[in-house]
ModelCIF file with pLDDT and N, C-alpha, C, O atoms, coordinates in Angstrom:
data_MODEL
#
_entry.id   MODEL 
#
_entity.id                         1 
_entity.type                       polymer 
_entity.pdbx_number_of_molecules   1 
#
_entity_poly.entity_id                      1 
_entity_poly.type                           'polypeptide(L)' 
_entity_poly.nstd_linkage                   no 
_entity_poly.nstd_monomer                   no 
_entity_poly.pdbx_seq_one_letter_code       MFIDHWIAFILLGLIGINMIREAMGKEEEKVDASFGPKVM 
_entity_poly.pdbx_seq_one_letter_code_can   MFIDHWIAFILLGLIGINMIREAMGKEEEKVDASFGPKVM 
_entity_poly.pdbx_strand_id                 A 
#
loop_
_entity_poly_seq.entity_id 
_entity_poly_seq.num 
_entity_poly_seq.mon_id 
_entity_poly_seq.hetero 
1 1  MET n 
1 2  PHE n 
1 3  ILE n 
1 4  ASP n 
1 5  HIS n 
1 6  TRP n 
1 7  ILE n 
1 8  ALA n 
1 9  PHE n 
1 10 ILE n 
1 11 LEU n 
1 12 LEU n 
1 13 GLY n 
1 14 LEU n 
1 15 ILE n 
1 16 GLY n 
1 17 ILE n 
1 18 ASN n 
1 19 MET n 
1 20 ILE n 
1 21 ARG n 
1 22 GLU n 
1 23 ALA n 
1 24 MET n 
1 25 GLY n 
1 26 LYS n 
1 27 GLU n 
1 28 GLU n 
1 29 GLU n 
1 30 LYS n 
1 31 VAL n 
1 32 ASP n 
1 33 ALA n 
1 34 SER n 
1 35 PHE n 
1 36 GLY n 
1 37 PRO n 
1 38 LYS n 
1 39 VAL n 
1 40 MET n 
#
_struct_asym.id          A 
_struct_asym.entity_id   1 
#
loop_
_ma_qa_metric.id 
_ma_qa_metric.mode 
_ma_qa_metric.name 
_ma_qa_metric.software_group_id 
_ma_qa_metric.type 
1 global pLDDT . pLDDT 
2 local  pLDDT . pLDDT 
#
_ma_qa_metric_global.metric_id      1 
_ma_qa_metric_global.metric_value   78.25 
_ma_qa_metric_global.model_id       1 
_ma_qa_metric_global.ordinal_id     1 
#
loop_
_ma_qa_metric_local.label_asym_id 
_ma_qa_metric_local.label_comp_id 
_ma_qa_metric_local.label_seq_id 
_ma_qa_metric_local.metric_id 
_ma_qa_metric_local.metric_value 
_ma_qa_metric_local.model_id 
_ma_qa_metric_local.ordinal_id 
A MET 1  2 70.00 1 1  
A PHE 2  2 74.00 1 2  
A ILE 3  2 78.00 1 3  
A ASP 4  2 71.00 1 4  
A HIS 5  2 76.00 1 5  
A TRP 6  2 84.00 1 6  
A ILE 7  2 76.00 1 7  
A ALA 8  2 75.00 1 8  
A PHE 9  2 82.00 1 9  
A ILE 10 2 85.00 1 10 
A LEU 11 2 77.00 1 11 
A LEU 12 2 75.00 1 12 
A GLY 13 2 82.00 1 13 
A LEU 14 2 83.00 1 14 
A ILE 15 2 77.00 1 15 
A GLY 16 2 77.00 1 16 
A ILE 17 2 87.00 1 17 
A ASN 18 2 81.00 1 18 
A MET 19 2 75.00 1 19 
A ILE 20 2 84.00 1 20 
A ARG 21 2 84.00 1 21 
A GLU 22 2 78.00 1 22 
A ALA 23 2 77.00 1 23 
A MET 24 2 84.00 1 24 
A GLY 25 2 80.00 1 25 
A LYS 26 2 68.00 1 26 
A GLU 27 2 64.00 1 27 
A GLU 28 2 58.00 1 28 
A GLU 29 2 58.00 1 29 
A LYS 30 2 61.00 1 30 
A VAL 31 2 64.00 1 31 
A ASP 32 2 70.00 1 32 
A ALA 33 2 80.00 1 33 
A SER 34 2 88.00 1 34 
A PHE 35 2 93.00 1 35 
A GLY 36 2 92.00 1 36 
A PRO 37 2 93.00 1 37 
A LYS 38 2 90.00 1 38 
A VAL 39 2 87.00 1 39 
A MET 40 2 92.00 1 40 
#
loop_
_atom_site.group_PDB 
_atom_site.id 
_atom_site.type_symbol 
_atom_site.label_atom_id 
_atom_site.label_alt_id 
_atom_site.label_comp_id 
_atom_site.label_asym_id 
_atom_site.label_entity_id 
_atom_site.label_seq_id 
_atom_site.pdbx_PDB_ins_code 
_atom_site.Cartn_x 
_atom_site.Cartn_y 
_atom_site.Cartn_z 
_atom_site.occupancy 
_atom_site.B_iso_or_equiv 
_atom_site.pdbx_formal_charge 
_atom_site.auth_seq_id 
_atom_site.auth_comp_id 
_atom_site.auth_asym_id 
_atom_site.auth_atom_id 
_atom_site.pdbx_PDB_model_num 
ATOM 1   N N  . MET A 1 1  ? 5.923   16.307 -2.736  1.00 70.00 ? 1  MET A N  1 
ATOM 2   C CA . MET A 1 1  ? 6.440   14.995 -2.367  1.00 70.00 ? 1  MET A CA 1 
ATOM 3   C C  . MET A 1 1  ? 6.669   14.854 -0.858  1.00 70.00 ? 1  MET A C  1 
ATOM 4   O O  . MET A 1 1  ? 6.523   13.762 -0.310  1.00 70.00 ? 1  MET A O  1 
ATOM 5   N N  . PHE A 1 2  ? 7.019   15.935 -0.197  1.00 74.00 ? 2  PHE A N  1 
ATOM 6   C CA . PHE A 1 2  ? 7.318   15.848 1.237   1.00 74.00 ? 2  PHE A CA 1 
ATOM 7   C C  . PHE A 1 2  ? 6.076   15.606 2.098   1.00 74.00 ? 2  PHE A C  1 
ATOM 8   O O  . PHE A 1 2  ? 6.210   15.269 3.274   1.00 74.00 ? 2  PHE A O  1 
ATOM 9   N N  . ILE A 1 3  ? 4.877   15.770 1.546   1.00 78.00 ? 3  ILE A N  1 
ATOM 10  C CA . ILE A 1 3  ? 3.650   15.496 2.314   1.00 78.00 ? 3  ILE A CA 1 
ATOM 11  C C  . ILE A 1 3  ? 2.786   14.433 1.637   1.00 78.00 ? 3  ILE A C  1 
ATOM 12  O O  . ILE A 1 3  ? 1.618   14.275 1.993   1.00 78.00 ? 3  ILE A O  1 
ATOM 13  N N  . ASP A 1 4  ? 3.344   13.698 0.658   1.00 71.00 ? 4  ASP A N  1 
ATOM 14  C CA . ASP A 1 4  ? 2.558   12.740 -0.106  1.00 71.00 ? 4  ASP A CA 1 
ATOM 15  C C  . ASP A 1 4  ? 1.920   11.657 0.769   1.00 71.00 ? 4  ASP A C  1 
ATOM 16  O O  . ASP A 1 4  ? 0.792   11.239 0.506   1.00 71.00 ? 4  ASP A O  1 
ATOM 17  N N  . HIS A 1 5  ? 2.622   11.204 1.797   1.00 76.00 ? 5  HIS A N  1 
ATOM 18  C CA . HIS A 1 5  ? 2.088   10.169 2.689   1.00 76.00 ? 5  HIS A CA 1 
ATOM 19  C C  . HIS A 1 5  ? 0.874   10.684 3.454   1.00 76.00 ? 5  HIS A C  1 
ATOM 20  O O  . HIS A 1 5  ? -0.061  9.926  3.709   1.00 76.00 ? 5  HIS A O  1 
ATOM 21  N N  . TRP A 1 6  ? 0.880   11.965 3.822   1.00 84.00 ? 6  TRP A N  1 
ATOM 22  C CA . TRP A 1 6  ? -0.273  12.566 4.504   1.00 84.00 ? 6  TRP A CA 1 
ATOM 23  C C  . TRP A 1 6  ? -1.455  12.680 3.547   1.00 84.00 ? 6  TRP A C  1 
ATOM 24  O O  . TRP A 1 6  ? -2.597  12.447 3.942   1.00 84.00 ? 6  TRP A O  1 
ATOM 25  N N  . ILE A 1 7  ? -1.186  13.036 2.291   1.00 76.00 ? 7  ILE A N  1 
ATOM 26  C CA . ILE A 1 7  ? -2.254  13.128 1.302   1.00 76.00 ? 7  ILE A CA 1 
ATOM 27  C C  . ILE A 1 7  ? -2.890  11.761 1.087   1.00 76.00 ? 7  ILE A C  1 
ATOM 28  O O  . ILE A 1 7  ? -4.115  11.640 1.055   1.00 76.00 ? 7  ILE A O  1 
ATOM 29  N N  . ALA A 1 8  ? -2.055  10.725 0.940   1.00 75.00 ? 8  ALA A N  1 
ATOM 30  C CA . ALA A 1 8  ? -2.575  9.370  0.774   1.00 75.00 ? 8  ALA A CA 1 
ATOM 31  C C  . ALA A 1 8  ? -3.414  8.960  1.975   1.00 75.00 ? 8  ALA A C  1 
ATOM 32  O O  . ALA A 1 8  ? -4.504  8.410  1.816   1.00 75.00 ? 8  ALA A O  1 
ATOM 33  N N  . PHE A 1 9  ? -2.915  9.224  3.165   1.00 82.00 ? 9  PHE A N  1 
ATOM 34  C CA . PHE A 1 9  ? -3.629  8.897  4.398   1.00 82.00 ? 9  PHE A CA 1 
ATOM 35  C C  . PHE A 1 9  ? -4.978  9.613  4.456   1.00 82.00 ? 9  PHE A C  1 
ATOM 36  O O  . PHE A 1 9  ? -5.998  8.992  4.754   1.00 82.00 ? 9  PHE A O  1 
ATOM 37  N N  . ILE A 1 10 ? -4.987  10.902 4.177   1.00 85.00 ? 10 ILE A N  1 
ATOM 38  C CA . ILE A 1 10 ? -6.219  11.693 4.254   1.00 85.00 ? 10 ILE A CA 1 
ATOM 39  C C  . ILE A 1 10 ? -7.226  11.253 3.192   1.00 85.00 ? 10 ILE A C  1 
ATOM 40  O O  . ILE A 1 10 ? -8.404  11.063 3.495   1.00 85.00 ? 10 ILE A O  1 
ATOM 41  N N  . LEU A 1 11 ? -6.767  11.090 1.948   1.00 77.00 ? 11 LEU A N  1 
ATOM 42  C CA . LEU A 1 11 ? -7.699  10.685 0.884   1.00 77.00 ? 11 LEU A CA 1 
ATOM 43  C C  . LEU A 1 11 ? -8.299  9.305  1.149   1.00 77.00 ? 11 LEU A C  1 
ATOM 44  O O  . LEU A 1 11 ? -9.515  9.127  1.063   1.00 77.00 ? 11 LEU A O  1 
ATOM 45  N N  . LEU A 1 12 ? -7.449  8.331  1.470   1.00 75.00 ? 12 LEU A N  1 
ATOM 46  C CA . LEU A 1 12 ? -7.963  6.988  1.753   1.00 75.00 ? 12 LEU A CA 1 
ATOM 47  C C  . LEU A 1 12 ? -8.884  7.004  2.973   1.00 75.00 ? 12 LEU A C  1 
ATOM 48  O O  . LEU A 1 12 ? -9.927  6.351  2.982   1.00 75.00 ? 12 LEU A O  1 
ATOM 49  N N  . GLY A 1 13 ? -8.491  7.750  3.993   1.00 82.00 ? 13 GLY A N  1 
ATOM 50  C CA . GLY A 1 13 ? -9.317  7.839  5.199   1.00 82.00 ? 13 GLY A CA 1 
ATOM 51  C C  . GLY A 1 13 ? -10.676 8.462  4.932   1.00 82.00 ? 13 GLY A C  1 
ATOM 52  O O  . GLY A 1 13 ? -11.699 7.939  5.375   1.00 82.00 ? 13 GLY A O  1 
ATOM 53  N N  . LEU A 1 14 ? -10.692 9.575  4.211   1.00 83.00 ? 14 LEU A N  1 
ATOM 54  C CA . LEU A 1 14 ? -11.970 10.246 3.910   1.00 83.00 ? 14 LEU A CA 1 
ATOM 55  C C  . LEU A 1 14 ? -12.877 9.375  3.049   1.00 83.00 ? 14 LEU A C  1 
ATOM 56  O O  . LEU A 1 14 ? -14.077 9.274  3.304   1.00 83.00 ? 14 LEU A O  1 
ATOM 57  N N  . ILE A 1 15 ? -12.305 8.754  2.041   1.00 77.00 ? 15 ILE A N  1 
ATOM 58  C CA . ILE A 1 15 ? -13.107 7.882  1.175   1.00 77.00 ? 15 ILE A CA 1 
ATOM 59  C C  . ILE A 1 15 ? -13.662 6.710  1.989   1.00 77.00 ? 15 ILE A C  1 
ATOM 60  O O  . ILE A 1 15 ? -14.845 6.384  1.891   1.00 77.00 ? 15 ILE A O  1 
ATOM 61  N N  . GLY A 1 16 ? -12.810 6.087  2.782   1.00 77.00 ? 16 GLY A N  1 
ATOM 62  C CA . GLY A 1 16 ? -13.244 4.953  3.605   1.00 77.00 ? 16 GLY A CA 1 
ATOM 63  C C  . GLY A 1 16 ? -14.298 5.328  4.617   1.00 77.00 ? 16 GLY A C  1 
ATOM 64  O O  . GLY A 1 16 ? -15.288 4.615  4.781   1.00 77.00 ? 16 GLY A O  1 
ATOM 65  N N  . ILE A 1 17 ? -14.096 6.448  5.302   1.00 87.00 ? 17 ILE A N  1 
ATOM 66  C CA . ILE A 1 17 ? -15.080 6.898  6.305   1.00 87.00 ? 17 ILE A CA 1 
ATOM 67  C C  . ILE A 1 17 ? -16.413 7.215  5.633   1.00 87.00 ? 17 ILE A C  1 
ATOM 68  O O  . ILE A 1 17 ? -17.472 6.907  6.181   1.00 87.00 ? 17 ILE A O  1 
ATOM 69  N N  . ASN A 1 18 ? -16.368 7.823  4.461   1.00 81.00 ? 18 ASN A N  1 
ATOM 70  C CA . ASN A 1 18 ? -17.604 8.122  3.739   1.00 81.00 ? 18 ASN A CA 1 
ATOM 71  C C  . ASN A 1 18 ? -18.343 6.838  3.356   1.00 81.00 ? 18 ASN A C  1 
ATOM 72  O O  . ASN A 1 18 ? -19.570 6.777  3.442   1.00 81.00 ? 18 ASN A O  1 
ATOM 73  N N  . MET A 1 19 ? -17.602 5.818  2.935   1.00 75.00 ? 19 MET A N  1 
ATOM 74  C CA . MET A 1 19 ? -18.239 4.539  2.599   1.00 75.00 ? 19 MET A CA 1 
ATOM 75  C C  . MET A 1 19 ? -18.864 3.895  3.838   1.00 75.00 ? 19 MET A C  1 
ATOM 76  O O  . MET A 1 19 ? -19.957 3.333  3.765   1.00 75.00 ? 19 MET A O  1 
ATOM 77  N N  . ILE A 1 20 ? -18.175 3.977  4.965   1.00 84.00 ? 20 ILE A N  1 
ATOM 78  C CA . ILE A 1 20 ? -18.709 3.421  6.210   1.00 84.00 ? 20 ILE A CA 1 
ATOM 79  C C  . ILE A 1 20 ? -19.977 4.173  6.613   1.00 84.00 ? 20 ILE A C  1 
ATOM 80  O O  . ILE A 1 20 ? -20.970 3.566  7.015   1.00 84.00 ? 20 ILE A O  1 
ATOM 81  N N  . ARG A 1 21 ? -19.931 5.516  6.499   1.00 84.00 ? 21 ARG A N  1 
ATOM 82  C CA . ARG A 1 21 ? -21.098 6.342  6.839   1.00 84.00 ? 21 ARG A CA 1 
ATOM 83  C C  . ARG A 1 21 ? -22.298 5.973  5.967   1.00 84.00 ? 21 ARG A C  1 
ATOM 84  O O  . ARG A 1 21 ? -23.411 5.815  6.469   1.00 84.00 ? 21 ARG A O  1 
ATOM 85  N N  . GLU A 1 22 ? -22.067 5.837  4.664   1.00 78.00 ? 22 GLU A N  1 
ATOM 86  C CA . GLU A 1 22 ? -23.145 5.468  3.749   1.00 78.00 ? 22 GLU A CA 1 
ATOM 87  C C  . GLU A 1 22 ? -23.701 4.084  4.078   1.00 78.00 ? 22 GLU A C  1 
ATOM 88  O O  . GLU A 1 22 ? -24.909 3.862  3.984   1.00 78.00 ? 22 GLU A O  1 
ATOM 89  N N  . ALA A 1 23 ? -22.834 3.161  4.459   1.00 77.00 ? 23 ALA A N  1 
ATOM 90  C CA . ALA A 1 23 ? -23.268 1.810  4.788   1.00 77.00 ? 23 ALA A CA 1 
ATOM 91  C C  . ALA A 1 23 ? -24.145 1.793  6.032   1.00 77.00 ? 23 ALA A C  1 
ATOM 92  O O  . ALA A 1 23 ? -25.044 0.962  6.152   1.00 77.00 ? 23 ALA A O  1 
ATOM 93  N N  . MET A 1 24 ? -23.883 2.710  6.955   1.00 84.00 ? 24 MET A N  1 
ATOM 94  C CA . MET A 1 24 ? -24.635 2.731  8.210   1.00 84.00 ? 24 MET A CA 1 
ATOM 95  C C  . MET A 1 24 ? -25.912 3.559  8.095   1.00 84.00 ? 24 MET A C  1 
ATOM 96  O O  . MET A 1 24 ? -26.758 3.520  8.989   1.00 84.00 ? 24 MET A O  1 
ATOM 97  N N  . GLY A 1 25 ? -26.056 4.305  7.006   1.00 80.00 ? 25 GLY A N  1 
ATOM 98  C CA . GLY A 1 25 ? -27.257 5.109  6.798   1.00 80.00 ? 25 GLY A CA 1 
ATOM 99  C C  . GLY A 1 25 ? -28.441 4.231  6.462   1.00 80.00 ? 25 GLY A C  1 
ATOM 100 O O  . GLY A 1 25 ? -28.284 3.133  5.927   1.00 80.00 ? 25 GLY A O  1 
ATOM 101 N N  . LYS A 1 26 ? -29.613 4.713  6.775   1.00 68.00 ? 26 LYS A N  1 
ATOM 102 C CA . LYS A 1 26 ? -30.831 3.940  6.540   1.00 68.00 ? 26 LYS A CA 1 
ATOM 103 C C  . LYS A 1 26 ? -31.516 4.324  5.233   1.00 68.00 ? 26 LYS A C  1 
ATOM 104 O O  . LYS A 1 26 ? -32.612 3.852  4.930   1.00 68.00 ? 26 LYS A O  1 
ATOM 105 N N  . GLU A 1 27 ? -30.855 5.186  4.464   1.00 64.00 ? 27 GLU A N  1 
ATOM 106 C CA . GLU A 1 27 ? -31.419 5.661  3.215   1.00 64.00 ? 27 GLU A CA 1 
ATOM 107 C C  . GLU A 1 27 ? -31.485 4.536  2.182   1.00 64.00 ? 27 GLU A C  1 
ATOM 108 O O  . GLU A 1 27 ? -30.481 3.876  1.912   1.00 64.00 ? 27 GLU A O  1 
ATOM 109 N N  . GLU A 1 28 ? -32.654 4.323  1.613   1.00 58.00 ? 28 GLU A N  1 
ATOM 110 C CA . GLU A 1 28 ? -32.832 3.283  0.606   1.00 58.00 ? 28 GLU A CA 1 
ATOM 111 C C  . GLU A 1 28 ? -32.719 3.902  -0.782  1.00 58.00 ? 28 GLU A C  1 
ATOM 112 O O  . GLU A 1 28 ? -33.361 4.910  -1.077  1.00 58.00 ? 28 GLU A O  1 
ATOM 113 N N  . GLU A 1 29 ? -31.903 3.292  -1.623  1.00 58.00 ? 29 GLU A N  1 
ATOM 114 C CA . GLU A 1 29 ? -31.700 3.808  -2.969  1.00 58.00 ? 29 GLU A CA 1 
ATOM 115 C C  . GLU A 1 29 ? -32.672 3.156  -3.938  1.00 58.00 ? 29 GLU A C  1 
ATOM 116 O O  . GLU A 1 29 ? -32.919 1.952  -3.879  1.00 58.00 ? 29 GLU A O  1 
ATOM 117 N N  . LYS A 1 30 ? -33.218 3.974  -4.832  1.00 61.00 ? 30 LYS A N  1 
ATOM 118 C CA . LYS A 1 30 ? -34.048 3.468  -5.921  1.00 61.00 ? 30 LYS A CA 1 
ATOM 119 C C  . LYS A 1 30 ? -33.139 3.236  -7.116  1.00 61.00 ? 30 LYS A C  1 
ATOM 120 O O  . LYS A 1 30 ? -32.377 4.123  -7.500  1.00 61.00 ? 30 LYS A O  1 
ATOM 121 N N  . VAL A 1 31 ? -33.215 2.064  -7.699  1.00 64.00 ? 31 VAL A N  1 
ATOM 122 C CA . VAL A 1 31 ? -32.368 1.746  -8.839  1.00 64.00 ? 31 VAL A CA 1 
ATOM 123 C C  . VAL A 1 31 ? -33.253 1.303  -9.997  1.00 64.00 ? 31 VAL A C  1 
ATOM 124 O O  . VAL A 1 31 ? -34.133 0.457  -9.837  1.00 64.00 ? 31 VAL A O  1 
ATOM 125 N N  . ASP A 1 32 ? -33.005 1.884  -11.156 1.00 70.00 ? 32 ASP A N  1 
ATOM 126 C CA . ASP A 1 32 ? -33.710 1.559  -12.388 1.00 70.00 ? 32 ASP A CA 1 
ATOM 127 C C  . ASP A 1 32 ? -33.280 0.169  -12.857 1.00 70.00 ? 32 ASP A C  1 
ATOM 128 O O  . ASP A 1 32 ? -32.108 -0.188 -12.734 1.00 70.00 ? 32 ASP A O  1 
ATOM 129 N N  . ALA A 1 33 ? -34.204 -0.608 -13.387 1.00 80.00 ? 33 ALA A N  1 
ATOM 130 C CA . ALA A 1 33 ? -33.899 -1.959 -13.863 1.00 80.00 ? 33 ALA A CA 1 
ATOM 131 C C  . ALA A 1 33 ? -33.141 -1.952 -15.191 1.00 80.00 ? 33 ALA A C  1 
ATOM 132 O O  . ALA A 1 33 ? -32.641 -2.996 -15.612 1.00 80.00 ? 33 ALA A O  1 
ATOM 133 N N  . SER A 1 34 ? -33.046 -0.815 -15.851 1.00 88.00 ? 34 SER A N  1 
ATOM 134 C CA . SER A 1 34 ? -32.394 -0.729 -17.153 1.00 88.00 ? 34 SER A CA 1 
ATOM 135 C C  . SER A 1 34 ? -30.876 -0.891 -17.026 1.00 88.00 ? 34 SER A C  1 
ATOM 136 O O  . SER A 1 34 ? -30.265 -0.448 -16.052 1.00 88.00 ? 34 SER A O  1 
ATOM 137 N N  . PHE A 1 35 ? -30.294 -1.528 -18.024 1.00 93.00 ? 35 PHE A N  1 
ATOM 138 C CA . PHE A 1 35 ? -28.848 -1.647 -18.123 1.00 93.00 ? 35 PHE A CA 1 
ATOM 139 C C  . PHE A 1 35 ? -28.329 -0.831 -19.309 1.00 93.00 ? 35 PHE A C  1 
ATOM 140 O O  . PHE A 1 35 ? -27.217 -1.056 -19.786 1.00 93.00 ? 35 PHE A O  1 
ATOM 141 N N  . GLY A 1 36 ? -29.145 0.118  -19.780 1.00 92.00 ? 36 GLY A N  1 
ATOM 142 C CA . GLY A 1 36 ? -28.773 0.971  -20.899 1.00 92.00 ? 36 GLY A CA 1 
ATOM 143 C C  . GLY A 1 36 ? -27.797 2.050  -20.481 1.00 92.00 ? 36 GLY A C  1 
ATOM 144 O O  . GLY A 1 36 ? -27.635 2.317  -19.291 1.00 92.00 ? 36 GLY A O  1 
ATOM 145 N N  . PRO A 1 37 ? -27.139 2.677  -21.460 1.00 93.00 ? 37 PRO A N  1 
ATOM 146 C CA . PRO A 1 37 ? -26.123 3.699  -21.163 1.00 93.00 ? 37 PRO A CA 1 
ATOM 147 C C  . PRO A 1 37 ? -26.648 4.899  -20.353 1.00 93.00 ? 37 PRO A C  1 
ATOM 148 O O  . PRO A 1 37 ? -25.913 5.449  -19.534 1.00 93.00 ? 37 PRO A O  1 
ATOM 149 N N  . LYS A 1 38 ? -27.886 5.302  -20.566 1.00 90.00 ? 38 LYS A N  1 
ATOM 150 C CA . LYS A 1 38 ? -28.437 6.446  -19.822 1.00 90.00 ? 38 LYS A CA 1 
ATOM 151 C C  . LYS A 1 38 ? -28.486 6.179  -18.322 1.00 90.00 ? 38 LYS A C  1 
ATOM 152 O O  . LYS A 1 38 ? -28.387 7.105  -17.518 1.00 90.00 ? 38 LYS A O  1 
ATOM 153 N N  . VAL A 1 39 ? -28.638 4.927  -17.953 1.00 87.00 ? 39 VAL A N  1 
ATOM 154 C CA . VAL A 1 39 ? -28.699 4.558  -16.539 1.00 87.00 ? 39 VAL A CA 1 
ATOM 155 C C  . VAL A 1 39 ? -27.315 4.148  -16.027 1.00 87.00 ? 39 VAL A C  1 
ATOM 156 O O  . VAL A 1 39 ? -26.903 4.565  -14.944 1.00 87.00 ? 39 VAL A O  1 
ATOM 157 N N  . MET A 1 40 ? -26.608 3.342  -16.796 1.00 92.00 ? 40 MET A N  1 
ATOM 158 C CA . MET A 1 40 ? -25.346 2.778  -16.331 1.00 92.00 ? 40 MET A CA 1 
ATOM 159 C C  . MET A 1 40 ? -24.209 3.797  -16.291 1.00 92.00 ? 40 MET A C  1 
ATOM 160 O O  . MET A 1 40 ? -23.087 3.455  -15.917 1.00 92.00 ? 40 MET A O  1 
#
């Protein structure tokens, strides 16, 4: 509990930075047109 605010800060920061990094990447994702359970 005494470091919970640091854990929240680090987790949110890492997740957010990773999303920003992925958004800036030029990698194109291939997505299957299926909406079945094996794909979804």
